[in-house]
Amino acid sequence: MKHDISFTVNGQQYDIAVEPRKTLLAVLRDQLQLTGTKEGCSTGDCGACTIIIDGATYTSCLVLGVEADGRDITTVEGIAEGDKLHPVQDAFVKKGGLQCGFCTAGLIVSSAALLDENPDPTDDEIKVGLSGNLCRCTGYTKITEAVRDASKVMKRRAKKAKAK
């Protein structure tokens, strides 16, 4: 028996019926066609499926779709600002903080959430903030550099906005 839920994803309201056993990852990918969030391990260990729910990061493979009722969710598709890349996305591209790309969506979501919470993280804080995300290709150096660069861009933008 399906359950009716209502939730917001990337600023858009959805009213859908979900099977109680389906993960939020499956709901996002299969029902909403938001395929940026990737399924890696299905055990919450790799971080490829990381999303933001009500301001906190979660591995969507461990959240049931019915638990999303009434929640506000951001996926990698919602990180960009319209057609303009989020500073984290831009920095990942510029710094080469991605290779095969499978972990990239989860890393970008986690990085954006980290910078929202801590706009000026140290390298150690970046490592801790991204510790739930595994990457087998990059070695993390360029990812850390990308987060650091995105932080600088975001601080400059905030300073300009405050001056206005």
C-alpha atoms as a PDB file:
ATOM      1  CA  MET A   1       0.000   0.000   0.000  1.00  0.00           C
ATOM      2  CA  LYS A   2       1.423   3.380  -1.019  1.00  0.00           C
ATOM      3  CA  HIS A   3       1.551   6.394   1.297  1.00  0.00           C
ATOM      4  CA  ASP A   4       0.838   9.937   0.181  1.00  0.00           C
ATOM      5  CA  ILE A   5       3.566  12.389   1.088  1.00  0.00           C
ATOM      6  CA  SER A   6       4.129  16.062   0.450  1.00  0.00           C
ATOM      7  CA  PHE A   7       7.585  17.571   0.414  1.00  0.00           C
ATOM      8  CA  THR A   8       9.738  20.221  -1.230  1.00  0.00           C
ATOM      9  CA  VAL A   9      12.695  19.280  -3.391  1.00  0.00           C
ATOM     10  CA  ASN A  10      14.973  21.998  -4.730  1.00  0.00           C
ATOM     11  CA  GLY A  11      12.291  24.590  -4.071  1.00  0.00           C
ATOM     12  CA  GLN A  12       9.504  22.698  -5.849  1.00  0.00           C
ATOM     13  CA  GLN A  13       6.553  21.204  -3.961  1.00  0.00           C
ATOM     14  CA  TYR A  14       5.686  17.550  -4.667  1.00  0.00           C
ATOM     15  CA  ASP A  15       2.658  15.519  -3.628  1.00  0.00           C
ATOM     16  CA  ILE A  16       3.308  11.884  -4.483  1.00  0.00           C
ATOM     17  CA  ALA A  17       2.492   8.359  -3.388  1.00  0.00           C
ATOM     18  CA  VAL A  18       5.447   6.235  -2.277  1.00  0.00           C
ATOM     19  CA  GLU A  19       5.862   2.638  -1.301  1.00  0.00           C
ATOM     20  CA  PRO A  20       6.810   2.383   2.390  1.00  0.00           C
ATOM     21  CA  ARG A  21       9.883   0.243   1.633  1.00  0.00           C
ATOM     22  CA  LYS A  22      11.367   2.607  -0.978  1.00  0.00           C
ATOM     23  CA  THR A  23      14.351   4.706   0.018  1.00  0.00           C
ATOM     24  CA  LEU A  24      14.360   8.425  -0.527  1.00  0.00           C
ATOM     25  CA  LEU A  25      17.169   7.824  -3.016  1.00  0.00           C
ATOM     26  CA  ALA A  26      14.850   5.608  -5.081  1.00  0.00           C
ATOM     27  CA  VAL A  27      12.019   8.136  -4.826  1.00  0.00           C
ATOM     28  CA  LEU A  28      14.269  10.966  -6.020  1.00  0.00           C
ATOM     29  CA  ARG A  29      15.779   8.997  -8.893  1.00  0.00           C
ATOM     30  CA  ASP A  30      12.854   6.835 -10.016  1.00  0.00           C
ATOM     31  CA  GLN A  31       9.792   8.930  -9.279  1.00  0.00           C
ATOM     32  CA  LEU A  32      11.112  12.482  -9.580  1.00  0.00           C
ATOM     33  CA  GLN A  33      13.779  11.703 -12.214  1.00  0.00           C
ATOM     34  CA  LEU A  34      16.429  13.594 -10.227  1.00  0.00           C
ATOM     35  CA  THR A  35      19.312  11.337 -11.188  1.00  0.00           C
ATOM     36  CA  GLY A  36      22.194  13.510 -10.003  1.00  0.00           C
ATOM     37  CA  THR A  37      22.110  11.764  -6.631  1.00  0.00           C
ATOM     38  CA  LYS A  38      23.965   8.484  -7.135  1.00  0.00           C
ATOM     39  CA  GLU A  39      23.556   5.083  -5.560  1.00  0.00           C
ATOM     40  CA  GLY A  40      26.933   3.772  -4.518  1.00  0.00           C
ATOM     41  CA  CYS A  41      27.016   1.363  -1.613  1.00  0.00           C
ATOM     42  CA  SER A  42      23.380   1.335  -0.413  1.00  0.00           C
ATOM     43  CA  THR A  43      24.694   1.135   3.152  1.00  0.00           C
ATOM     44  CA  GLY A  44      25.370   4.816   3.912  1.00  0.00           C
ATOM     45  CA  ASP A  45      29.138   4.414   3.767  1.00  0.00           C
ATOM     46  CA  CYS A  46      30.199   6.091   0.509  1.00  0.00           C
ATOM     47  CA  GLY A  47      28.285   9.393   0.505  1.00  0.00           C
ATOM     48  CA  ALA A  48      27.468   9.336  -3.225  1.00  0.00           C
ATOM     49  CA  CYS A  49      23.777   9.786  -2.382  1.00  0.00           C
ATOM     50  CA  THR A  50      24.252  12.701   0.034  1.00  0.00           C
ATOM     51  CA  ILE A  51      21.416  15.237   0.088  1.00  0.00           C
ATOM     52  CA  ILE A  52      20.354  18.024   2.420  1.00  0.00           C
ATOM     53  CA  ILE A  53      17.177  17.599   4.467  1.00  0.00           C
ATOM     54  CA  ASP A  54      16.056  20.609   6.483  1.00  0.00           C
ATOM     55  CA  GLY A  55      19.607  21.985   6.479  1.00  0.00           C
ATOM     56  CA  ALA A  56      21.461  18.795   7.474  1.00  0.00           C
ATOM     57  CA  THR A  57      23.210  16.251   5.253  1.00  0.00           C
ATOM     58  CA  TYR A  58      21.883  12.706   4.994  1.00  0.00           C
ATOM     59  CA  THR A  59      22.732   9.675   2.927  1.00  0.00           C
ATOM     60  CA  SER A  60      19.487   9.216   1.042  1.00  0.00           C
ATOM     61  CA  CYS A  61      19.988   5.454   0.716  1.00  0.00           C
ATOM     62  CA  LEU A  62      19.318   5.166   4.468  1.00  0.00           C
ATOM     63  CA  VAL A  63      16.221   7.384   4.568  1.00  0.00           C
ATOM     64  CA  LEU A  64      12.835   5.981   3.648  1.00  0.00           C
ATOM     65  CA  GLY A  65      10.811   8.034   1.198  1.00  0.00           C
ATOM     66  CA  VAL A  66       7.904   8.246   3.647  1.00  0.00           C
ATOM     67  CA  GLU A  67      10.242   9.976   6.126  1.00  0.00           C
ATOM     68  CA  ALA A  68      10.507  12.906   3.709  1.00  0.00           C
ATOM     69  CA  ASP A  69       6.902  13.927   4.333  1.00  0.00           C
ATOM     70  CA  GLY A  70       6.803  17.624   5.197  1.00  0.00           C
ATOM     71  CA  ARG A  71      10.550  18.081   4.731  1.00  0.00           C
ATOM     72  CA  ASP A  72      12.640  20.456   2.632  1.00  0.00           C
ATOM     73  CA  ILE A  73      15.199  18.622   0.509  1.00  0.00           C
ATOM     74  CA  THR A  74      18.083  19.834  -1.627  1.00  0.00           C
ATOM     75  CA  THR A  75      19.811  17.553  -4.105  1.00  0.00           C
ATOM     76  CA  VAL A  76      22.802  18.310  -6.300  1.00  0.00           C
ATOM     77  CA  GLU A  77      20.365  19.625  -8.925  1.00  0.00           C
ATOM     78  CA  GLY A  78      19.290  22.306  -6.453  1.00  0.00           C
ATOM     79  CA  ILE A  79      22.788  23.478  -5.506  1.00  0.00           C
ATOM     80  CA  ALA A  80      23.262  25.634  -8.610  1.00  0.00           C
ATOM     81  CA  GLU A  81      21.774  29.116  -8.653  1.00  0.00           C
ATOM     82  CA  GLY A  82      19.599  28.834 -11.753  1.00  0.00           C
ATOM     83  CA  ASP A  83      21.923  28.509 -14.746  1.00  0.00           C
ATOM     84  CA  LYS A  84      24.881  29.731 -12.698  1.00  0.00           C
ATOM     85  CA  LEU A  85      27.053  27.146 -10.959  1.00  0.00           C
ATOM     86  CA  HIS A  86      27.334  27.308  -7.189  1.00  0.00           C
ATOM     87  CA  PRO A  87      30.854  28.394  -6.132  1.00  0.00           C
ATOM     88  CA  VAL A  88      31.536  24.826  -4.955  1.00  0.00           C
ATOM     89  CA  GLN A  89      30.583  23.399  -8.350  1.00  0.00           C
ATOM     90  CA  ASP A  90      32.688  26.002 -10.149  1.00  0.00           C
ATOM     91  CA  ALA A  91      35.677  25.343  -7.887  1.00  0.00           C
ATOM     92  CA  PHE A  92      35.433  21.574  -8.377  1.00  0.00           C
ATOM     93  CA  VAL A  93      35.640  22.114 -12.130  1.00  0.00           C
ATOM     94  CA  LYS A  94      38.451  24.671 -11.970  1.00  0.00           C
ATOM     95  CA  LYS A  95      40.553  22.729  -9.451  1.00  0.00           C
ATOM     96  CA  GLY A  96      39.964  19.293 -10.973  1.00  0.00           C
ATOM     97  CA  GLY A  97      38.240  18.057  -7.830  1.00  0.00           C
ATOM     98  CA  LEU A  98      36.472  15.383  -9.849  1.00  0.00           C
ATOM     99  CA  GLN A  99      37.573  12.537 -12.008  1.00  0.00           C
ATOM    100  CA  CYS A 100      35.187   9.704 -12.757  1.00  0.00           C
ATOM    101  CA  GLY A 101      32.402  11.866 -11.311  1.00  0.00           C
ATOM    102  CA  PHE A 102      30.513   9.172  -9.436  1.00  0.00           C
ATOM    103  CA  CYS A 103      31.158  10.654  -5.989  1.00  0.00           C
ATOM    104  CA  THR A 104      31.046  14.257  -7.187  1.00  0.00           C
ATOM    105  CA  ALA A 105      27.363  14.975  -6.511  1.00  0.00           C
ATOM    106  CA  GLY A 106      27.637  13.823  -2.903  1.00  0.00           C
ATOM    107  CA  LEU A 107      30.875  15.734  -2.388  1.00  0.00           C
ATOM    108  CA  ILE A 108      29.385  18.923  -3.830  1.00  0.00           C
ATOM    109  CA  VAL A 109      26.292  18.678  -1.636  1.00  0.00           C
ATOM    110  CA  SER A 110      28.414  17.968   1.449  1.00  0.00           C
ATOM    111  CA  SER A 111      30.804  20.809   0.601  1.00  0.00           C
ATOM    112  CA  ALA A 112      27.976  23.309   0.095  1.00  0.00           C
ATOM    113  CA  ALA A 113      26.398  22.248   3.393  1.00  0.00           C
ATOM    114  CA  LEU A 114      29.775  22.542   5.148  1.00  0.00           C
ATOM    115  CA  LEU A 115      30.309  26.074   3.840  1.00  0.00           C
ATOM    116  CA  ASP A 116      26.792  27.093   4.810  1.00  0.00           C
ATOM    117  CA  GLU A 117      27.560  26.000   8.361  1.00  0.00           C
ATOM    118  CA  ASN A 118      31.210  27.060   8.472  1.00  0.00           C
ATOM    119  CA  PRO A 119      32.095  29.694   5.846  1.00  0.00           C
ATOM    120  CA  ASP A 120      35.813  29.630   6.673  1.00  0.00           C
ATOM    121  CA  PRO A 121      36.836  26.043   7.424  1.00  0.00           C
ATOM    122  CA  THR A 122      40.410  24.939   7.984  1.00  0.00           C
ATOM    123  CA  ASP A 123      41.749  22.037   5.934  1.00  0.00           C
ATOM    124  CA  ASP A 124      41.162  19.750   8.912  1.00  0.00           C
ATOM    125  CA  GLU A 125      37.562  20.971   9.207  1.00  0.00           C
ATOM    126  CA  ILE A 126      37.066  20.330   5.487  1.00  0.00           C
ATOM    127  CA  LYS A 127      38.389  16.794   5.917  1.00  0.00           C
ATOM    128  CA  VAL A 128      36.027  16.182   8.830  1.00  0.00           C
ATOM    129  CA  GLY A 129      33.120  17.804   6.988  1.00  0.00           C
ATOM    130  CA  LEU A 130      33.633  15.537   3.984  1.00  0.00           C
ATOM    131  CA  SER A 131      34.555  12.415   5.938  1.00  0.00           C
ATOM    132  CA  GLY A 132      31.287  10.714   4.991  1.00  0.00           C
ATOM    133  CA  ASN A 133      32.163  10.893   1.296  1.00  0.00           C
ATOM    134  CA  LEU A 134      34.517   8.432  -0.348  1.00  0.00           C
ATOM    135  CA  CYS A 135      36.397   9.058  -3.579  1.00  0.00           C
ATOM    136  CA  ARG A 136      38.567   6.421  -5.180  1.00  0.00           C
ATOM    137  CA  CYS A 137      40.039   8.639  -7.893  1.00  0.00           C
ATOM    138  CA  THR A 138      41.196  12.029  -6.646  1.00  0.00           C
ATOM    139  CA  GLY A 139      43.101  11.570  -3.407  1.00  0.00           C
ATOM    140  CA  TYR A 140      41.125  14.480  -1.888  1.00  0.00           C
ATOM    141  CA  THR A 141      43.835  17.146  -2.332  1.00  0.00           C
ATOM    142  CA  LYS A 142      42.069  18.877  -5.205  1.00  0.00           C
ATOM    143  CA  ILE A 143      38.712  18.479  -3.450  1.00  0.00           C
ATOM    144  CA  THR A 144      40.073  20.249  -0.364  1.00  0.00           C
ATOM    145  CA  GLU A 145      41.532  22.974  -2.588  1.00  0.00           C
ATOM    146  CA  ALA A 146      38.166  23.367  -4.331  1.00  0.00           C
ATOM    147  CA  VAL A 147      36.308  23.772  -1.033  1.00  0.00           C
ATOM    148  CA  ARG A 148      38.887  26.285   0.154  1.00  0.00           C
ATOM    149  CA  ASP A 149      38.538  28.290  -3.086  1.00  0.00           C
ATOM    150  CA  ALA A 150      34.733  28.146  -2.954  1.00  0.00           C
ATOM    151  CA  SER A 151      34.900  29.474   0.602  1.00  0.00           C
ATOM    152  CA  LYS A 152      36.882  32.495  -0.578  1.00  0.00           C
ATOM    153  CA  VAL A 153      34.426  33.201  -3.396  1.00  0.00           C
ATOM    154  CA  MET A 154      31.443  32.881  -1.082  1.00  0.00           C
ATOM    155  CA  LYS A 155      33.027  35.212   1.495  1.00  0.00           C
ATOM    156  CA  ARG A 156      33.728  37.827  -1.211  1.00  0.00           C
ATOM    157  CA  ARG A 157      30.126  37.595  -2.436  1.00  0.00           C
ATOM    158  CA  ALA A 158      28.788  37.929   1.104  1.00  0.00           C
ATOM    159  CA  LYS A 159      31.012  40.944   1.725  1.00  0.00           C
ATOM    160  CA  LYS A 160      29.775  42.608  -1.498  1.00  0.00           C
ATOM    161  CA  ALA A 161      26.147  41.869  -0.643  1.00  0.00           C
ATOM    162  CA  LYS A 162      26.583  43.290   2.845  1.00  0.00           C
ATOM    163  CA  ALA A 163      28.170  46.472   1.451  1.00  0.00           C
ATOM    164  CA  LYS A 164      25.112  47.160  -0.717  1.00  0.00           C
END
